[in-house]
Amino acid sequence: MFRKNTKHQQPALISAASELPEKQRKRLENSWAGTFYKEFFSRIDEQSFAVLYSEKDSRPNVPVNVLVGLEALKAGFGWSDQELYENYCYNLQVRYALGYDRLGDGDFEIRSLYYFRERLSKYNAEESINLLEKAFEQITDAQIVDLKVRTGMQRMDSTQIASNIVSASRLRLLVEAVQRVERILNEADQARLSETFAPYIIDSAGHYIYRVKGKEAQQEHLQQIGQTIHVLLQDLKSDYAAELAYQILERIFAETFNPLASSPQGETRPRAKENSEITSSCLQSVDDLEATYHTKGTGHYKGYVANITETCDPENEIQLITKVQVAPNNVDDGQLLAEALPNLKERTEIETMITDGGYGSEVSDDALQEHEVTLIQTAIRGAQPSADKFSLSDFVIEQNEKGDPNLLTCPQGHSVPVLPGRTTGWQVRFNPELCSKCPFQLDGHCRTQPQKRDLRYLLTFTTHEMRAAQRRKNYLAHQDHSNNLRSAVEATVRSVKHPFPAGKLPVRGQFRVTCMAIASAATTNVRRIRRYLTAKMKQAEAAKNLQSEAGPAAVVSFFVISVRWLRSRLAFSPSFDY
């Protein structure tokens, strides 16, 4: 049964915190724990988590704000579950951050935290709603309002993150999948297929691979296990098709082999695919079915991509992370931008987004146009335009309310209406008398060309080309200062990934990886707020000290001036006769 936790709003008269000396108690209040309590824990809307619990009268739940707070602390400090639980039980700062004054209050078994994660995952699978993400957004929005953070200008960057999986070859994954299928069989099937499984269950998959030496041997074993799996899938389908282990084996077989007809009777023998035939979405681990493969530069990554958005208005005294996304690492940055914009537009006043060159695409162009957000890139993806010829970005294109072009002005200043193309895109036709005498046309710079039947000079382009040209214009117009605004987001990315060595999270699956990334971002915001509040407090103390020192000095100065004035008056006043 769900019940809100409001006990933390009334501190105990006698507690471990209250018994501290005054100096230590104030230090505790001003530490990260005090900021975490005020800026994160106290802002959690527990009611949104009520859907995870039964409405029947039963034992009350462990406080939701405590469980959510623990998730944030685990990610923010990079603790294991055991370290988290020990700190919860015995660390006064952690308990103070979670609204407990006394060490004995709020006792629960750590499995309650596991059950809470299971409920979150199940609800996300059924409703496609991540309640932890909703809580982060609700808390961040409240922080933005209270701290008066301007959200019109924001920046975005992506980074590779890995789940807790072993980097395995295709052969090792196949052996591991075969071993797991053998474990789910009943005793009769295990005995019947014992000879088939025998070569693969003697030892672990890692030891099996260790004994296979050389590329040719790898290929030979790959063909052998492919034939074995092909037979097993046909034999076990009727009884075990609904089992997850069988489905994993079926998936990895389809991704690794090509069945080929080898006889007139239609019998098939699998052939291992070449590396170039295996897609980036192929299975990377039998324990993480959503992780994908990605190559970036010289690096090869298995896992996910995290996309982080934060405010970046230069007038802000503090910048906050506003959104965290996690997706398979073969998802394009432009797709992540398009998915983030509706939520950011609804929650914030975003008008300008600053990114690197990877976020420009047709998908993101459509989303930017729909939500009226200007994209400023610090680099442009693709080949650079030729210096010897005008690109579309050298023309001025005016658009109507729908975003369609209606007027185009050439570099020479001639304006012509834009008309729909005969098949696709748009077309513009210039007066031949003007174009034939244009210096840009004479030296070959202009991209317009006269037509055979129509002497007018023609220029054609698509909507995508027009939007790409606009992005290039924005890039050229802001390249002097936008790069400085964008580069700071890389420090934010590092802050979120810092608790996880080498960017590898201690969890598996997209949902758990998402929750960890969001929790780490929430703690990063708390740390920033603490630094900001500490700096403001120091400024206030410095001003107060300056004022207190200036007070006596002003009195002395006034007294000296008064004495000098009085003496001057007496020196020039007439003498009195008595």
Protein backbone atom coordinates (compact mmCIF):
# COMPACT_ATOMS: atom_id res chain seq x y z
CA MET A 1 0.00 0.00 0.00
CA PHE A 2 1.32 3.42 -0.94
CA ARG A 3 1.87 6.04 1.72
CA LYS A 4 3.68 9.37 1.48
CA ASN A 5 6.71 10.05 3.65
CA THR A 6 6.25 13.32 5.54
CA LYS A 7 8.15 12.51 8.73
CA HIS A 8 11.27 14.27 7.50
CA GLN A 9 9.39 17.59 7.61
CA GLN A 10 9.38 17.48 11.43
CA PRO A 11 12.94 16.96 12.75
CA ALA A 12 13.35 15.04 16.01
CA LEU A 13 14.18 17.09 19.11
CA ILE A 14 16.83 14.64 20.18
CA SER A 15 18.87 13.13 17.36
CA ALA A 16 22.40 12.40 16.20
CA ALA A 17 22.37 15.62 14.17
CA SER A 18 21.02 17.84 16.95
CA GLU A 19 23.58 16.50 19.44
CA LEU A 20 26.48 17.64 17.27
CA PRO A 21 28.37 20.77 18.37
CA GLU A 22 27.01 23.94 16.79
CA LYS A 23 29.98 24.28 14.42
CA GLN A 24 29.70 20.68 13.17
CA ARG A 25 25.92 20.88 12.87
CA LYS A 26 26.15 23.96 10.62
CA ARG A 27 28.84 22.25 8.60
CA LEU A 28 26.52 19.28 8.11
CA GLU A 29 23.68 21.56 6.99
CA ASN A 30 25.95 23.35 4.51
CA SER A 31 27.52 20.14 3.18
CA TRP A 32 26.39 18.25 0.07
CA ALA A 33 23.95 16.37 2.30
CA GLY A 34 22.04 19.53 3.19
CA THR A 35 21.87 20.61 -0.45
CA PHE A 36 20.78 17.15 -1.56
CA TYR A 37 17.99 17.16 1.04
CA LYS A 38 16.69 20.64 0.14
CA GLU A 39 17.19 20.63 -3.62
CA PHE A 40 16.49 16.99 -4.53
CA PHE A 41 14.98 14.87 -1.78
CA SER A 42 12.37 17.41 -0.65
CA ARG A 43 11.27 18.05 -4.24
CA ILE A 44 10.40 14.42 -5.07
CA ASP A 45 6.73 13.99 -5.94
CA GLU A 46 6.00 10.62 -4.34
CA GLN A 47 2.41 10.55 -5.60
CA SER A 48 3.55 9.83 -9.16
CA PHE A 49 4.97 6.50 -7.91
CA ALA A 50 1.69 5.39 -6.32
CA VAL A 51 0.85 3.37 -9.46
CA LEU A 52 3.56 0.88 -8.47
CA TYR A 53 1.73 -0.20 -5.30
CA SER A 54 -1.48 -1.97 -4.41
CA GLU A 55 -4.54 0.06 -3.43
CA LYS A 56 -5.61 -2.57 -0.89
CA ASP A 57 -4.99 -2.03 2.81
CA SER A 58 -1.68 -3.66 3.53
CA ARG A 59 1.74 -2.98 4.95
CA PRO A 60 2.96 0.54 3.96
CA ASN A 61 5.73 0.85 1.43
CA VAL A 62 9.30 1.87 2.16
CA PRO A 63 9.30 5.67 1.54
CA VAL A 64 9.56 6.33 -2.19
CA ASN A 65 11.61 9.48 -1.75
CA VAL A 66 14.17 7.46 0.23
CA LEU A 67 14.40 4.81 -2.50
CA VAL A 68 14.71 7.41 -5.27
CA GLY A 69 17.29 9.29 -3.21
CA LEU A 70 19.30 6.11 -2.76
CA GLU A 71 19.29 5.51 -6.52
CA ALA A 72 20.65 9.02 -7.07
CA LEU A 73 23.38 8.57 -4.44
CA LYS A 74 24.40 5.17 -5.79
CA ALA A 75 24.96 6.58 -9.28
CA GLY A 76 26.41 9.87 -8.09
CA PHE A 77 29.07 8.24 -5.92
CA GLY A 78 29.59 5.09 -7.99
CA TRP A 79 28.69 2.81 -5.06
CA SER A 80 27.82 -0.84 -5.28
CA ASP A 81 24.55 -1.89 -3.66
CA GLN A 82 26.46 -3.17 -0.62
CA GLU A 83 28.35 0.11 -0.24
CA LEU A 84 25.09 2.01 -0.68
CA TYR A 85 23.34 0.04 2.04
CA GLU A 86 26.23 0.37 4.49
CA ASN A 87 26.36 4.13 3.96
CA TYR A 88 22.60 4.31 4.43
CA CYS A 89 22.84 2.47 7.74
CA TYR A 90 25.89 4.17 9.26
CA ASN A 91 26.78 7.38 7.36
CA LEU A 92 25.25 10.41 9.09
CA GLN A 93 25.58 12.60 5.98
CA VAL A 94 23.73 10.07 3.83
CA ARG A 95 20.96 9.74 6.40
CA TYR A 96 20.70 13.52 6.75
CA ALA A 97 20.44 13.80 2.95
CA LEU A 98 17.50 11.36 3.07
CA GLY A 99 15.65 13.18 5.85
CA TYR A 100 16.69 11.02 8.82
CA ASP A 101 18.12 12.62 11.96
CA ARG A 102 18.58 9.42 13.94
CA LEU A 103 20.57 6.36 12.89
CA GLY A 104 17.88 3.88 13.93
CA ASP A 105 15.05 5.34 11.84
CA GLY A 106 13.88 4.03 8.47
CA ASP A 107 15.34 0.55 8.69
CA PHE A 108 14.58 -1.79 5.76
CA GLU A 109 16.19 -4.73 4.00
CA ILE A 110 18.11 -4.04 0.81
CA ARG A 111 15.87 -6.39 -1.16
CA SER A 112 13.16 -3.69 -0.87
CA LEU A 113 15.33 -1.59 -3.17
CA TYR A 114 15.54 -4.52 -5.63
CA TYR A 115 11.74 -4.88 -5.59
CA PHE A 116 11.39 -1.15 -6.25
CA ARG A 117 13.65 -1.38 -9.30
CA GLU A 118 11.67 -4.36 -10.53
CA ARG A 119 8.41 -2.40 -10.24
CA LEU A 120 9.92 0.53 -12.12
CA SER A 121 11.13 -1.76 -14.90
CA LYS A 122 7.81 -3.60 -15.19
CA TYR A 123 5.84 -0.35 -15.31
CA ASN A 124 8.17 1.02 -17.99
CA ALA A 125 7.76 -2.15 -20.07
CA GLU A 126 3.96 -2.01 -19.82
CA GLU A 127 3.33 1.74 -20.08
CA SER A 128 6.53 3.01 -21.79
CA ILE A 129 6.94 5.50 -18.94
CA ASN A 130 10.14 5.80 -16.92
CA LEU A 131 8.98 7.19 -13.58
CA LEU A 132 12.54 7.96 -12.53
CA GLU A 133 12.97 10.10 -15.64
CA LYS A 134 9.69 11.91 -14.90
CA ALA A 135 10.85 12.58 -11.34
CA PHE A 136 14.16 13.98 -12.60
CA GLU A 137 12.39 16.33 -14.99
CA GLN A 138 9.92 17.48 -12.34
CA ILE A 139 12.72 18.18 -9.86
CA THR A 140 14.89 19.93 -12.44
CA ASP A 141 12.01 22.13 -13.58
CA ALA A 142 11.46 23.24 -9.98
CA GLN A 143 15.17 23.97 -9.55
CA ILE A 144 15.17 26.03 -12.75
CA VAL A 145 12.28 28.16 -11.51
CA ASP A 146 13.72 28.72 -8.02
CA LEU A 147 17.22 29.53 -9.27
CA LYS A 148 15.89 31.63 -12.17
CA VAL A 149 17.86 29.73 -14.79
CA ARG A 150 17.31 30.92 -18.35
CA THR A 151 16.47 28.00 -20.65
CA GLY A 152 16.17 29.73 -24.03
CA MET A 153 19.65 28.60 -25.06
CA GLN A 154 20.73 25.00 -24.48
CA ARG A 155 23.50 22.68 -25.68
CA MET A 156 23.62 18.96 -26.33
CA ASP A 157 26.26 16.25 -26.66
CA SER A 158 26.36 12.47 -26.82
CA THR A 159 28.80 9.96 -25.38
CA GLN A 160 29.39 6.22 -25.54
CA ILE A 161 28.59 4.21 -22.42
CA ALA A 162 28.84 0.47 -21.86
CA SER A 163 26.73 -1.86 -19.78
CA ASN A 164 28.21 -4.56 -17.57
CA ILE A 165 28.92 -7.09 -20.34
CA VAL A 166 31.99 -9.01 -21.45
CA SER A 167 33.42 -8.25 -24.88
CA ALA A 168 32.88 -11.58 -26.66
CA SER A 169 33.49 -12.96 -30.14
CA ARG A 170 30.65 -14.45 -32.17
CA LEU A 171 31.88 -17.97 -31.43
CA ARG A 172 31.88 -17.35 -27.70
CA LEU A 173 28.35 -15.93 -27.83
CA LEU A 174 27.17 -18.99 -29.74
CA VAL A 175 28.73 -21.40 -27.22
CA GLU A 176 27.22 -19.46 -24.31
CA ALA A 177 23.79 -19.49 -25.97
CA VAL A 178 24.01 -23.27 -26.54
CA GLN A 179 24.96 -23.85 -22.90
CA ARG A 180 21.98 -21.85 -21.67
CA VAL A 181 19.58 -23.79 -23.87
CA GLU A 182 20.94 -27.04 -22.45
CA ARG A 183 20.15 -25.83 -18.91
CA ILE A 184 16.45 -25.25 -19.62
CA LEU A 185 15.86 -28.73 -21.04
CA ASN A 186 14.09 -31.36 -19.00
CA GLU A 187 16.04 -34.45 -17.96
CA ALA A 188 14.71 -36.57 -20.82
CA ASP A 189 15.77 -34.07 -23.48
CA GLN A 190 19.15 -33.55 -21.82
CA ALA A 191 19.81 -37.30 -21.94
CA ARG A 192 18.56 -37.61 -25.53
CA LEU A 193 20.76 -34.76 -26.79
CA SER A 194 23.74 -35.35 -24.52
CA GLU A 195 26.10 -36.20 -27.42
CA THR A 196 25.04 -33.09 -29.33
CA PHE A 197 25.72 -30.79 -26.38
CA ALA A 198 28.83 -32.64 -25.14
CA PRO A 199 31.52 -30.58 -26.95
CA TYR A 200 30.06 -27.29 -25.65
CA ILE A 201 29.20 -27.95 -22.00
CA ILE A 202 32.45 -29.50 -20.77
CA ASP A 203 33.77 -26.10 -19.70
CA SER A 204 32.83 -22.43 -19.78
CA ALA A 205 32.47 -20.55 -23.05
CA GLY A 206 35.63 -18.58 -22.26
CA HIS A 207 37.70 -21.75 -21.86
CA TYR A 208 36.22 -23.18 -25.06
CA ILE A 209 37.40 -20.12 -27.01
CA TYR A 210 40.81 -20.23 -25.32
CA ARG A 211 41.48 -23.67 -26.79
CA VAL A 212 40.62 -22.59 -30.35
CA LYS A 213 43.80 -21.22 -31.95
CA GLY A 214 44.04 -19.41 -35.26
CA LYS A 215 41.58 -17.81 -37.65
CA GLU A 216 41.04 -20.97 -39.69
CA ALA A 217 40.25 -22.99 -36.55
CA GLN A 218 37.79 -20.28 -35.46
CA GLN A 219 36.02 -20.51 -38.80
CA GLU A 220 35.90 -24.31 -38.65
CA HIS A 221 34.39 -24.31 -35.15
CA LEU A 222 31.95 -21.61 -36.24
CA GLN A 223 30.69 -23.83 -39.06
CA GLN A 224 30.40 -26.83 -36.73
CA ILE A 225 28.42 -25.04 -34.05
CA GLY A 226 26.23 -23.45 -36.72
CA GLN A 227 25.20 -26.90 -37.96
CA THR A 228 24.58 -28.03 -34.38
CA ILE A 229 22.38 -25.01 -33.62
CA HIS A 230 20.48 -25.47 -36.87
CA VAL A 231 19.55 -29.01 -35.80
CA LEU A 232 18.72 -27.97 -32.22
CA LEU A 233 16.40 -25.17 -33.28
CA GLN A 234 14.35 -27.54 -35.41
CA ASP A 235 14.32 -30.27 -32.74
CA LEU A 236 13.36 -28.06 -29.76
CA LYS A 237 11.02 -25.56 -31.37
CA SER A 238 7.75 -27.32 -30.52
CA ASP A 239 8.49 -27.53 -26.78
CA TYR A 240 10.80 -24.59 -26.02
CA ALA A 241 9.97 -21.81 -28.51
CA ALA A 242 8.50 -19.66 -25.72
CA GLU A 243 11.66 -19.87 -23.58
CA LEU A 244 13.96 -16.84 -23.58
CA ALA A 245 17.10 -18.98 -23.93
CA TYR A 246 15.69 -20.60 -27.08
CA GLN A 247 14.73 -17.19 -28.53
CA ILE A 248 18.25 -15.85 -27.89
CA LEU A 249 19.77 -18.86 -29.63
CA GLU A 250 17.40 -18.40 -32.56
CA ARG A 251 18.28 -14.70 -32.83
CA ILE A 252 22.06 -15.12 -32.72
CA PHE A 253 21.87 -17.95 -35.26
CA ALA A 254 19.91 -15.77 -37.70
CA GLU A 255 22.37 -12.90 -37.22
CA THR A 256 25.48 -15.05 -37.68
CA PHE A 257 24.56 -17.57 -40.40
CA ASN A 258 23.01 -17.70 -43.86
CA PRO A 259 21.09 -20.93 -44.55
CA LEU A 260 21.92 -22.19 -48.07
CA ALA A 261 20.30 -25.01 -50.03
CA SER A 262 22.89 -27.75 -50.50
CA SER A 263 20.91 -30.60 -52.05
CA PRO A 264 18.05 -31.18 -54.50
CA GLN A 265 15.92 -32.38 -51.59
CA GLY A 266 16.03 -28.87 -50.10
CA GLU A 267 18.26 -29.61 -47.13
CA THR A 268 20.02 -26.55 -45.78
CA ARG A 269 23.44 -26.09 -44.31
CA PRO A 270 24.26 -22.81 -42.58
CA ARG A 271 27.12 -20.64 -43.79
CA ALA A 272 28.78 -18.17 -41.45
CA LYS A 273 28.33 -14.56 -42.54
CA GLU A 274 31.25 -12.34 -43.35
CA ASN A 275 31.96 -9.51 -40.91
CA SER A 276 30.66 -7.00 -43.45
CA GLU A 277 27.30 -8.82 -43.51
CA ILE A 278 26.74 -8.57 -39.73
CA THR A 279 24.82 -5.44 -38.76
CA SER A 280 25.54 -3.12 -35.82
CA SER A 281 22.30 -4.20 -34.13
CA CYS A 282 23.43 -7.81 -33.77
CA LEU A 283 23.50 -9.37 -30.30
CA GLN A 284 26.51 -8.29 -28.22
CA SER A 285 25.77 -10.28 -25.06
CA VAL A 286 23.37 -13.00 -24.00
CA ASP A 287 22.79 -10.95 -20.83
CA ASP A 288 22.03 -7.63 -22.55
CA LEU A 289 19.75 -8.00 -25.54
CA GLU A 290 19.56 -4.28 -26.37
CA ALA A 291 23.26 -3.37 -26.54
CA THR A 292 24.59 -2.64 -30.03
CA TYR A 293 27.90 -2.14 -31.81
CA HIS A 294 29.31 1.18 -32.99
CA THR A 295 32.54 2.34 -34.59
CA LYS A 296 33.57 5.97 -34.09
CA GLY A 297 36.90 7.01 -35.51
CA THR A 298 39.37 4.35 -34.40
CA GLY A 299 37.25 3.27 -31.42
CA HIS A 300 34.91 0.29 -31.28
CA TYR A 301 32.09 0.37 -28.72
CA LYS A 302 29.55 -2.14 -27.46
CA GLY A 303 26.63 -0.79 -25.49
CA TYR A 304 24.65 2.45 -25.57
CA VAL A 305 24.83 6.16 -26.27
CA ALA A 306 23.88 8.76 -23.65
CA ASN A 307 22.64 12.12 -24.92
CA ILE A 308 22.84 14.99 -22.43
CA THR A 309 21.20 18.42 -22.69
CA GLU A 310 21.91 21.40 -20.43
CA THR A 311 21.29 25.13 -20.31
CA CYS A 312 24.04 27.41 -21.61
CA ASP A 313 22.80 30.99 -21.50
CA PRO A 314 25.89 33.16 -20.78
CA GLU A 315 23.85 35.28 -18.36
CA ASN A 316 23.10 32.30 -16.11
CA GLU A 317 25.08 32.07 -12.89
CA ILE A 318 24.48 28.32 -12.90
CA GLN A 319 23.79 25.82 -15.69
CA LEU A 320 21.65 22.71 -15.10
CA ILE A 321 21.20 19.45 -16.97
CA THR A 322 17.66 19.42 -18.36
CA LYS A 323 17.40 16.05 -20.12
CA VAL A 324 19.18 12.69 -20.34
CA GLN A 325 18.50 10.13 -23.08
CA VAL A 326 19.91 6.64 -23.51
CA ALA A 327 19.59 4.62 -26.72
CA PRO A 328 21.43 1.81 -28.53
CA ASN A 329 24.71 3.27 -29.74
CA ASN A 330 23.83 2.86 -33.42
CA VAL A 331 21.15 5.55 -33.15
CA ASP A 332 22.09 8.78 -34.96
CA ASP A 333 22.56 11.99 -32.98
CA GLY A 334 20.03 13.75 -35.17
CA GLN A 335 17.39 11.21 -34.17
CA LEU A 336 18.13 11.84 -30.48
CA LEU A 337 17.75 15.59 -31.00
CA ALA A 338 14.41 15.10 -32.76
CA GLU A 339 13.15 12.88 -29.93
CA ALA A 340 14.24 15.34 -27.23
CA LEU A 341 12.77 18.52 -28.71
CA PRO A 342 9.05 17.97 -27.95
CA ASN A 343 9.80 17.36 -24.27
CA LEU A 344 12.27 20.25 -24.02
CA LYS A 345 9.88 22.63 -25.77
CA GLU A 346 7.04 21.67 -23.41
CA ARG A 347 9.12 22.01 -20.23
CA THR A 348 11.46 24.87 -21.06
CA GLU A 349 11.59 28.02 -23.18
CA ILE A 350 14.19 26.67 -25.58
CA GLU A 351 14.78 28.73 -28.71
CA THR A 352 18.37 27.86 -29.63
CA MET A 353 20.19 24.53 -29.52
CA ILE A 354 23.99 24.38 -29.81
CA THR A 355 25.56 21.08 -30.88
CA ASP A 356 28.49 19.62 -32.78
CA GLY A 357 28.31 18.57 -36.42
CA GLY A 358 26.67 15.19 -35.80
CA TYR A 359 23.16 16.49 -35.10
CA GLY A 360 22.27 17.81 -38.53
CA SER A 361 19.94 15.52 -40.48
CA GLU A 362 16.59 15.45 -42.25
CA VAL A 363 14.93 14.06 -39.12
CA SER A 364 16.27 16.79 -36.86
CA ASP A 365 15.53 19.48 -39.48
CA ASP A 366 11.85 18.53 -39.47
CA ALA A 367 11.67 18.57 -35.66
CA LEU A 368 13.52 21.90 -35.43
CA GLN A 369 11.14 23.42 -37.97
CA GLU A 370 8.07 22.09 -36.17
CA HIS A 371 9.12 23.34 -32.72
CA GLU A 372 10.65 26.62 -33.96
CA VAL A 373 14.12 25.97 -32.54
CA THR A 374 17.28 27.27 -34.19
CA LEU A 375 20.16 24.81 -34.45
CA ILE A 376 23.68 26.22 -34.24
CA GLN A 377 26.41 23.70 -35.00
CA THR A 378 30.09 24.11 -34.27
CA ALA A 379 30.92 21.97 -37.29
CA ILE A 380 29.08 20.70 -40.35
CA ARG A 381 28.85 17.05 -41.28
CA GLY A 382 29.84 16.08 -44.81
CA ALA A 383 32.03 17.57 -47.53
CA GLN A 384 32.81 21.27 -47.52
CA PRO A 385 31.33 23.31 -50.41
CA SER A 386 33.65 24.26 -53.23
CA ALA A 387 35.40 27.61 -52.85
CA ASP A 388 35.11 28.17 -56.62
CA LYS A 389 31.33 27.98 -56.74
CA PHE A 390 28.45 29.39 -54.70
CA SER A 391 26.60 26.97 -52.43
CA LEU A 392 22.95 27.30 -51.54
CA SER A 393 23.95 28.89 -48.23
CA ASP A 394 25.23 31.93 -50.19
CA PHE A 395 21.63 32.68 -51.26
CA VAL A 396 19.04 34.30 -48.99
CA ILE A 397 15.87 32.22 -48.79
CA GLU A 398 12.72 33.62 -47.20
CA GLN A 399 10.14 31.16 -45.89
CA ASN A 400 6.44 31.36 -45.18
CA GLU A 401 4.65 30.34 -41.99
CA LYS A 402 4.67 26.70 -43.04
CA GLY A 403 8.43 26.74 -43.56
CA ASP A 404 8.24 26.55 -47.35
CA PRO A 405 10.48 28.87 -49.39
CA ASN A 406 8.71 31.73 -51.17
CA LEU A 407 11.47 34.18 -52.13
CA LEU A 408 15.15 33.73 -53.01
CA THR A 409 17.79 36.46 -53.30
CA CYS A 410 21.07 35.76 -55.10
CA PRO A 411 24.49 37.06 -53.93
CA GLN A 412 24.18 39.88 -56.49
CA GLY A 413 20.95 41.07 -54.80
CA HIS A 414 18.32 39.92 -57.34
CA SER A 415 15.14 38.50 -55.75
CA VAL A 416 12.95 35.94 -57.49
CA PRO A 417 9.89 34.00 -56.24
CA VAL A 418 10.32 30.31 -55.48
CA LEU A 419 8.00 27.86 -57.24
CA PRO A 420 7.38 24.13 -56.70
CA GLY A 421 9.51 21.87 -58.92
CA ARG A 422 8.01 19.85 -61.70
CA THR A 423 8.53 16.58 -59.83
CA THR A 424 10.09 17.27 -56.43
CA GLY A 425 11.73 20.14 -54.57
CA TRP A 426 11.73 23.79 -55.59
CA GLN A 427 12.88 25.85 -58.53
CA VAL A 428 13.85 29.48 -59.21
CA ARG A 429 14.24 31.10 -62.64
CA PHE A 430 16.28 34.28 -63.05
CA ASN A 431 16.03 36.94 -65.76
CA PRO A 432 18.59 36.02 -68.48
CA GLU A 433 19.37 39.68 -69.17
CA LEU A 434 20.56 40.16 -65.60
CA CYS A 435 22.34 36.82 -65.21
CA SER A 436 24.21 36.97 -68.51
CA LYS A 437 25.92 40.21 -67.41
CA CYS A 438 26.48 39.16 -63.76
CA PRO A 439 30.20 39.04 -62.83
CA PHE A 440 29.63 35.92 -60.73
CA GLN A 441 28.08 34.17 -63.73
CA LEU A 442 30.89 35.29 -66.03
CA ASP A 443 33.66 33.92 -63.76
CA GLY A 444 31.79 30.65 -63.14
CA HIS A 445 30.93 31.22 -59.46
CA CYS A 446 27.15 31.10 -59.79
CA ARG A 447 25.41 27.72 -59.80
CA THR A 448 22.45 28.84 -61.94
CA GLN A 449 22.39 27.59 -65.53
CA PRO A 450 20.41 28.68 -68.64
CA GLN A 451 18.06 26.12 -70.14
CA LYS A 452 17.81 25.06 -73.79
CA ARG A 453 14.13 25.80 -74.31
CA ASP A 454 13.80 28.38 -71.53
CA LEU A 455 16.56 30.98 -71.60
CA ARG A 456 16.00 31.86 -67.95
CA TYR A 457 18.71 30.75 -65.55
CA LEU A 458 17.48 27.86 -63.40
CA LEU A 459 18.29 26.97 -59.78
CA THR A 460 16.74 23.88 -58.16
CA PHE A 461 16.95 22.59 -54.59
CA THR A 462 15.11 20.38 -52.13
CA THR A 463 13.70 21.23 -48.72
CA HIS A 464 16.48 19.21 -47.09
CA GLU A 465 19.13 21.14 -49.03
CA MET A 466 17.52 24.40 -47.99
CA ARG A 467 17.57 23.47 -44.31
CA ALA A 468 21.13 22.20 -44.56
CA ALA A 469 22.07 25.55 -46.11
CA GLN A 470 20.39 27.37 -43.22
CA ARG A 471 22.35 25.28 -40.73
CA ARG A 472 25.57 26.19 -42.54
CA LYS A 473 24.61 29.87 -42.38
CA ASN A 474 24.00 29.62 -38.64
CA TYR A 475 27.32 27.87 -38.24
CA LEU A 476 29.22 30.57 -40.15
CA ALA A 477 27.42 33.37 -38.31
CA HIS A 478 28.14 31.98 -34.83
CA GLN A 479 31.39 30.10 -35.28
CA ASP A 480 33.38 32.67 -33.27
CA HIS A 481 31.46 32.23 -30.00
CA SER A 482 29.20 29.17 -30.33
CA ASN A 483 32.15 26.80 -30.12
CA ASN A 484 33.01 28.18 -26.68
CA LEU A 485 29.39 27.73 -25.56
CA ARG A 486 29.25 24.14 -26.79
CA SER A 487 32.62 22.92 -25.52
CA ALA A 488 31.62 23.18 -21.85
CA VAL A 489 29.07 20.39 -22.32
CA GLU A 490 31.97 17.94 -22.61
CA ALA A 491 32.82 18.66 -18.97
CA THR A 492 29.19 17.90 -18.13
CA VAL A 493 29.43 14.58 -19.96
CA ARG A 494 32.53 13.75 -17.94
CA SER A 495 30.75 14.67 -14.69
CA VAL A 496 27.92 12.26 -15.45
CA LYS A 497 30.29 9.43 -16.49
CA HIS A 498 32.93 10.05 -13.80
CA PRO A 499 31.45 7.67 -11.16
CA PHE A 500 31.72 4.80 -13.65
CA PRO A 501 35.31 3.74 -14.48
CA ALA A 502 36.01 3.76 -18.23
CA GLY A 503 32.37 4.68 -18.88
CA LYS A 504 31.17 1.18 -17.99
CA LEU A 505 28.05 1.03 -15.83
CA PRO A 506 27.51 -1.81 -13.31
CA VAL A 507 24.10 -2.70 -14.81
CA ARG A 508 22.69 -4.26 -17.97
CA GLY A 509 19.80 -3.42 -20.25
CA GLN A 510 18.68 -0.09 -21.67
CA PHE A 511 16.22 0.68 -18.88
CA ARG A 512 18.71 0.17 -16.04
CA VAL A 513 21.43 2.04 -17.93
CA THR A 514 18.97 4.91 -18.47
CA CYS A 515 18.09 5.02 -14.77
CA MET A 516 21.77 5.10 -13.76
CA ALA A 517 22.58 7.89 -16.23
CA ILE A 518 19.60 9.97 -15.07
CA ALA A 519 20.47 9.44 -11.40
CA SER A 520 24.07 10.51 -12.02
CA ALA A 521 22.85 13.64 -13.83
CA ALA A 522 20.57 14.48 -10.91
CA THR A 523 23.51 14.27 -8.49
CA THR A 524 25.59 16.41 -10.86
CA ASN A 525 22.91 19.10 -10.69
CA VAL A 526 22.92 18.94 -6.89
CA ARG A 527 26.70 19.40 -6.81
CA ARG A 528 26.41 22.42 -9.08
CA ILE A 529 23.70 23.96 -6.95
CA ARG A 530 25.82 23.44 -3.84
CA ARG A 531 28.80 25.19 -5.42
CA TYR A 532 26.54 28.02 -6.54
CA LEU A 533 24.92 28.46 -3.11
CA THR A 534 28.29 28.23 -1.36
CA ALA A 535 29.70 30.95 -3.61
CA LYS A 536 26.66 33.16 -2.95
CA MET A 537 26.98 32.63 0.78
CA LYS A 538 30.67 33.57 0.70
CA GLN A 539 29.86 36.69 -1.30
CA ALA A 540 27.18 37.67 1.23
CA GLU A 541 29.58 37.10 4.15
CA ALA A 542 32.29 39.15 2.43
CA ALA A 543 29.87 42.02 1.82
CA LYS A 544 28.67 41.85 5.41
CA ASN A 545 32.24 41.92 6.75
CA LEU A 546 33.08 44.84 4.49
CA GLN A 547 30.04 46.72 5.71
CA SER A 548 30.84 46.02 9.37
CA GLU A 549 34.42 47.22 8.86
CA ALA A 550 33.26 50.30 7.00
CA GLY A 551 30.86 51.34 9.80
CA PRO A 552 33.41 52.43 12.50
CA ALA A 553 35.66 53.94 9.83
CA ALA A 554 32.77 56.08 8.63
CA VAL A 555 32.07 57.30 12.19
CA VAL A 556 35.73 58.24 12.75
CA SER A 557 35.87 59.95 9.39
CA PHE A 558 32.72 61.94 10.20
CA PHE A 559 34.15 62.94 13.59
CA VAL A 560 37.45 64.14 12.06
CA ILE A 561 35.65 66.14 9.39
CA SER A 562 33.37 67.67 12.01
CA VAL A 563 36.31 68.74 14.20
CA ARG A 564 38.09 70.27 11.24
CA TRP A 565 34.98 72.16 10.25
CA LEU A 566 34.46 73.42 13.81
CA ARG A 567 38.07 74.61 14.04
CA SER A 568 37.76 76.43 10.76
CA ARG A 569 34.65 78.18 11.96
CA LEU A 570 36.29 79.22 15.25
CA ALA A 571 39.40 80.50 13.46
CA PHE A 572 37.41 82.90 11.31
CA SER A 573 34.69 83.88 13.80
CA PRO A 574 34.90 87.41 15.42
CA SER A 575 36.13 87.68 19.00
CA PHE A 576 33.65 88.54 21.78
CA ASP A 577 34.24 91.30 24.34
CA TYR A 578 33.11 90.43 27.83
